[in-house]
């Protein structure tokens, strides 16, 4: 992770079944070392419990060049045995980002729209930001009562 700029994770809020099953501790045990080593690179959020949102989709966006949207968990059972569906989005249309890096238009557009959903900032505001500037807006949104996200570990 030393060369990564950011790793952003939004997880489903653990329910009672997860807490009683001990999964919450396993999740903490997995993320605590990353947060300790890279406190400025690893961001983890969840949706606010008061909104009663249930999000089953698994979404991965890498460097504004790759997008996959799926129902599959990233484990052997989901990948080999369960009836799951995934879409890897490939695009040939590129665009220069504010970072000065050429990225794929669809992947960047998808990321900006998800950040808009989580931060409440306009598409145009996020479009003008570097990836780090936009990622920093997630922390601001997590502290804002009107957003849909909050810090996972409070």
C-alpha atoms as a PDB file:
ATOM      1  CA  UNK A   1       0.000   0.000   0.000  1.00  0.00           C
ATOM      2  CA  UNK A   2       2.935   2.404   0.176  1.00  0.00           C
ATOM      3  CA  UNK A   3       2.420   3.369  -3.484  1.00  0.00           C
ATOM      4  CA  UNK A   4      -1.374   3.671  -3.288  1.00  0.00           C
ATOM      5  CA  UNK A   5      -2.806   7.131  -2.853  1.00  0.00           C
ATOM      6  CA  UNK A   6      -6.109   6.023  -1.301  1.00  0.00           C
ATOM      7  CA  UNK A   7      -8.137   2.946  -0.517  1.00  0.00           C
ATOM      8  CA  UNK A   8     -11.777   3.873   0.052  1.00  0.00           C
ATOM      9  CA  UNK A   9     -14.238   1.307   1.390  1.00  0.00           C
ATOM     10  CA  UNK A  10     -17.958   1.704   2.052  1.00  0.00           C
ATOM     11  CA  UNK A  11     -19.380  -1.300   3.884  1.00  0.00           C
ATOM     12  CA  UNK A  12     -22.876  -2.282   4.888  1.00  0.00           C
ATOM     13  CA  UNK A  13     -23.627  -1.318   8.475  1.00  0.00           C
ATOM     14  CA  UNK A  14     -23.291  -4.478  10.591  1.00  0.00           C
ATOM     15  CA  UNK A  15     -26.649  -5.773  11.785  1.00  0.00           C
ATOM     16  CA  UNK A  16     -27.432  -7.647  14.976  1.00  0.00           C
ATOM     17  CA  UNK A  17     -26.765 -11.001  13.286  1.00  0.00           C
ATOM     18  CA  UNK A  18     -23.298  -9.803  12.290  1.00  0.00           C
ATOM     19  CA  UNK A  19     -22.520  -8.459  15.745  1.00  0.00           C
ATOM     20  CA  UNK A  20     -23.691 -11.608  17.519  1.00  0.00           C
ATOM     21  CA  UNK A  21     -21.790 -13.799  15.046  1.00  0.00           C
ATOM     22  CA  UNK A  22     -18.515 -12.024  15.766  1.00  0.00           C
ATOM     23  CA  UNK A  23     -18.052 -10.731  12.220  1.00  0.00           C
ATOM     24  CA  UNK A  24     -17.633  -7.170  13.471  1.00  0.00           C
ATOM     25  CA  UNK A  25     -14.502  -8.216  15.394  1.00  0.00           C
ATOM     26  CA  UNK A  26     -13.116  -9.998  12.316  1.00  0.00           C
ATOM     27  CA  UNK A  27     -13.714  -6.876  10.259  1.00  0.00           C
ATOM     28  CA  UNK A  28     -11.993  -4.735  12.886  1.00  0.00           C
ATOM     29  CA  UNK A  29      -9.060  -7.179  13.032  1.00  0.00           C
ATOM     30  CA  UNK A  30      -8.682  -6.923   9.238  1.00  0.00           C
ATOM     31  CA  UNK A  31      -8.823  -3.144   8.975  1.00  0.00           C
ATOM     32  CA  UNK A  32      -7.040  -2.028  12.158  1.00  0.00           C
ATOM     33  CA  UNK A  33      -3.521  -2.862  10.880  1.00  0.00           C
ATOM     34  CA  UNK A  34      -4.155  -1.010   7.602  1.00  0.00           C
ATOM     35  CA  UNK A  35      -5.527   2.030   9.413  1.00  0.00           C
ATOM     36  CA  UNK A  36      -2.581   2.026  11.795  1.00  0.00           C
ATOM     37  CA  UNK A  37       0.049   1.802   9.046  1.00  0.00           C
ATOM     38  CA  UNK A  38      -1.690   4.133   6.578  1.00  0.00           C
ATOM     39  CA  UNK A  39      -4.011   6.470   8.507  1.00  0.00           C
ATOM     40  CA  UNK A  40      -4.079   9.007   5.675  1.00  0.00           C
ATOM     41  CA  UNK A  41      -4.611   6.469   2.892  1.00  0.00           C
ATOM     42  CA  UNK A  42      -7.346   4.133   4.161  1.00  0.00           C
ATOM     43  CA  UNK A  43     -10.876   5.498   4.461  1.00  0.00           C
ATOM     44  CA  UNK A  44     -13.778   3.305   5.587  1.00  0.00           C
ATOM     45  CA  UNK A  45     -17.396   4.381   5.829  1.00  0.00           C
ATOM     46  CA  UNK A  46     -20.851   2.946   6.265  1.00  0.00           C
ATOM     47  CA  UNK A  47     -24.310   4.262   5.551  1.00  0.00           C
ATOM     48  CA  UNK A  48     -26.066   6.041   8.391  1.00  0.00           C
ATOM     49  CA  UNK A  49     -28.293   3.693  10.381  1.00  0.00           C
ATOM     50  CA  UNK A  50     -31.080   6.298  10.558  1.00  0.00           C
ATOM     51  CA  UNK A  51     -31.531   6.027   6.776  1.00  0.00           C
ATOM     52  CA  UNK A  52     -32.204   2.264   6.841  1.00  0.00           C
ATOM     53  CA  UNK A  53     -30.330   1.761   3.571  1.00  0.00           C
ATOM     54  CA  UNK A  54     -29.456  -1.737   2.471  1.00  0.00           C
ATOM     55  CA  UNK A  55     -26.887  -1.873  -0.306  1.00  0.00           C
ATOM     56  CA  UNK A  56     -26.029  -5.314  -1.643  1.00  0.00           C
ATOM     57  CA  UNK A  57     -24.022  -4.200  -4.668  1.00  0.00           C
ATOM     58  CA  UNK A  58     -20.298  -4.777  -4.737  1.00  0.00           C
ATOM     59  CA  UNK A  59     -18.509  -2.015  -6.619  1.00  0.00           C
ATOM     60  CA  UNK A  60     -14.811  -1.654  -7.368  1.00  0.00           C
ATOM     61  CA  UNK A  61     -13.362   1.378  -9.139  1.00  0.00           C
ATOM     62  CA  UNK A  62      -9.614   1.403  -9.687  1.00  0.00           C
ATOM     63  CA  UNK A  63      -7.765   4.581 -10.665  1.00  0.00           C
ATOM     64  CA  UNK A  64     -10.684   5.809 -12.784  1.00  0.00           C
ATOM     65  CA  UNK A  65      -9.749   3.187 -15.399  1.00  0.00           C
ATOM     66  CA  UNK A  66     -11.632   0.063 -14.272  1.00  0.00           C
ATOM     67  CA  UNK A  67     -15.138  -0.497 -12.926  1.00  0.00           C
ATOM     68  CA  UNK A  68     -16.817  -3.703 -11.874  1.00  0.00           C
ATOM     69  CA  UNK A  69     -20.327  -3.881 -10.457  1.00  0.00           C
ATOM     70  CA  UNK A  70     -21.434  -7.177  -8.997  1.00  0.00           C
ATOM     71  CA  UNK A  71     -23.689  -9.060  -6.644  1.00  0.00           C
ATOM     72  CA  UNK A  72     -20.838 -11.451  -5.827  1.00  0.00           C
ATOM     73  CA  UNK A  73     -18.881 -11.337  -2.610  1.00  0.00           C
ATOM     74  CA  UNK A  74     -15.150 -11.574  -3.092  1.00  0.00           C
ATOM     75  CA  UNK A  75     -14.813 -15.098  -1.771  1.00  0.00           C
ATOM     76  CA  UNK A  76     -14.532 -18.572  -3.262  1.00  0.00           C
ATOM     77  CA  UNK A  77     -18.157 -19.510  -2.658  1.00  0.00           C
ATOM     78  CA  UNK A  78     -19.556 -16.476  -4.478  1.00  0.00           C
ATOM     79  CA  UNK A  79     -17.083 -16.815  -7.320  1.00  0.00           C
ATOM     80  CA  UNK A  80     -17.566 -20.561  -7.877  1.00  0.00           C
ATOM     81  CA  UNK A  81     -20.866 -21.798  -6.434  1.00  0.00           C
ATOM     82  CA  UNK A  82     -23.465 -19.060  -5.969  1.00  0.00           C
ATOM     83  CA  UNK A  83     -25.641 -17.609  -8.699  1.00  0.00           C
ATOM     84  CA  UNK A  84     -24.057 -14.192  -9.016  1.00  0.00           C
ATOM     85  CA  UNK A  85     -23.731 -11.591 -11.723  1.00  0.00           C
ATOM     86  CA  UNK A  86     -20.978  -9.111 -12.488  1.00  0.00           C
ATOM     87  CA  UNK A  87     -20.358  -6.450 -15.093  1.00  0.00           C
ATOM     88  CA  UNK A  88     -16.842  -5.293 -15.853  1.00  0.00           C
ATOM     89  CA  UNK A  89     -17.175  -1.977 -17.628  1.00  0.00           C
ATOM     90  CA  UNK A  90     -14.662  -1.397 -20.402  1.00  0.00           C
ATOM     91  CA  UNK A  91     -14.405   1.923 -22.209  1.00  0.00           C
ATOM     92  CA  UNK A  92     -12.164   3.137 -25.013  1.00  0.00           C
ATOM     93  CA  UNK A  93     -13.032   6.820 -24.511  1.00  0.00           C
ATOM     94  CA  UNK A  94     -10.349   8.491 -22.413  1.00  0.00           C
ATOM     95  CA  UNK A  95     -10.162  11.900 -20.758  1.00  0.00           C
ATOM     96  CA  UNK A  96      -7.466  13.860 -18.941  1.00  0.00           C
ATOM     97  CA  UNK A  97      -8.181  14.166 -15.221  1.00  0.00           C
ATOM     98  CA  UNK A  98      -7.321  17.182 -13.034  1.00  0.00           C
ATOM     99  CA  UNK A  99      -4.435  15.030 -11.756  1.00  0.00           C
ATOM    100  CA  UNK A 100      -2.876  15.241 -15.227  1.00  0.00           C
ATOM    101  CA  UNK A 101      -3.463  11.533 -15.798  1.00  0.00           C
ATOM    102  CA  UNK A 102      -5.339  10.008 -18.721  1.00  0.00           C
ATOM    103  CA  UNK A 103      -8.245   7.914 -17.416  1.00  0.00           C
ATOM    104  CA  UNK A 104     -11.292   6.239 -18.913  1.00  0.00           C
ATOM    105  CA  UNK A 105     -14.317   8.498 -19.218  1.00  0.00           C
ATOM    106  CA  UNK A 106     -16.907   5.951 -18.040  1.00  0.00           C
ATOM    107  CA  UNK A 107     -14.902   4.837 -14.993  1.00  0.00           C
ATOM    108  CA  UNK A 108     -14.248   8.428 -13.926  1.00  0.00           C
ATOM    109  CA  UNK A 109     -17.866   9.399 -14.534  1.00  0.00           C
ATOM    110  CA  UNK A 110     -19.040   6.438 -12.431  1.00  0.00           C
ATOM    111  CA  UNK A 111     -16.716   7.427  -9.564  1.00  0.00           C
ATOM    112  CA  UNK A 112     -17.797  11.060  -9.668  1.00  0.00           C
ATOM    113  CA  UNK A 113     -21.481  10.039  -9.588  1.00  0.00           C
ATOM    114  CA  UNK A 114     -20.886   7.761  -6.577  1.00  0.00           C
ATOM    115  CA  UNK A 115     -18.962  10.517  -4.793  1.00  0.00           C
ATOM    116  CA  UNK A 116     -21.818  12.931  -5.598  1.00  0.00           C
ATOM    117  CA  UNK A 117     -24.250  10.459  -4.026  1.00  0.00           C
ATOM    118  CA  UNK A 118     -22.143  10.193  -0.869  1.00  0.00           C
ATOM    119  CA  UNK A 119     -20.984  13.813  -0.482  1.00  0.00           C
ATOM    120  CA  UNK A 120     -23.864  15.844  -1.887  1.00  0.00           C
ATOM    121  CA  UNK A 121     -21.395  17.946  -3.881  1.00  0.00           C
ATOM    122  CA  UNK A 122     -22.330  18.746  -7.461  1.00  0.00           C
ATOM    123  CA  UNK A 123     -20.985  16.723 -10.354  1.00  0.00           C
ATOM    124  CA  UNK A 124     -19.166  19.807 -11.650  1.00  0.00           C
ATOM    125  CA  UNK A 125     -17.491  20.453  -8.283  1.00  0.00           C
ATOM    126  CA  UNK A 126     -16.222  16.875  -8.066  1.00  0.00           C
ATOM    127  CA  UNK A 127     -15.246  16.828 -11.742  1.00  0.00           C
ATOM    128  CA  UNK A 128     -12.857  19.740 -11.135  1.00  0.00           C
ATOM    129  CA  UNK A 129     -11.126  18.004  -8.192  1.00  0.00           C
ATOM    130  CA  UNK A 130      -8.150  15.684  -8.167  1.00  0.00           C
ATOM    131  CA  UNK A 131      -8.865  12.202  -6.844  1.00  0.00           C
ATOM    132  CA  UNK A 132      -7.280  13.115  -3.489  1.00  0.00           C
ATOM    133  CA  UNK A 133      -9.320  16.311  -3.181  1.00  0.00           C
ATOM    134  CA  UNK A 134     -12.485  14.349  -3.953  1.00  0.00           C
ATOM    135  CA  UNK A 135     -11.548  11.576  -1.500  1.00  0.00           C
ATOM    136  CA  UNK A 136     -11.032  14.185   1.221  1.00  0.00           C
ATOM    137  CA  UNK A 137     -14.613  15.328   0.658  1.00  0.00           C
ATOM    138  CA  UNK A 138     -15.800  11.924   1.905  1.00  0.00           C
ATOM    139  CA  UNK A 139     -14.417  12.737   5.371  1.00  0.00           C
ATOM    140  CA  UNK A 140     -16.269  16.052   5.295  1.00  0.00           C
ATOM    141  CA  UNK A 141     -19.464  14.307   4.193  1.00  0.00           C
ATOM    142  CA  UNK A 142     -19.124  11.650   6.905  1.00  0.00           C
ATOM    143  CA  UNK A 143     -19.241  14.420   9.520  1.00  0.00           C
ATOM    144  CA  UNK A 144     -22.239  16.115   7.858  1.00  0.00           C
ATOM    145  CA  UNK A 145     -25.653  15.107   9.215  1.00  0.00           C
ATOM    146  CA  UNK A 146     -27.261  15.517   5.777  1.00  0.00           C
ATOM    147  CA  UNK A 147     -25.021  12.989   3.968  1.00  0.00           C
ATOM    148  CA  UNK A 148     -25.677   9.254   3.637  1.00  0.00           C
ATOM    149  CA  UNK A 149     -22.291   8.111   5.022  1.00  0.00           C
ATOM    150  CA  UNK A 150     -20.475   8.174   8.325  1.00  0.00           C
ATOM    151  CA  UNK A 151     -17.110   6.934   9.525  1.00  0.00           C
ATOM    152  CA  UNK A 152     -17.242   3.174  10.085  1.00  0.00           C
ATOM    153  CA  UNK A 153     -15.301   3.206  13.342  1.00  0.00           C
ATOM    154  CA  UNK A 154     -16.365   6.010  15.611  1.00  0.00           C
END
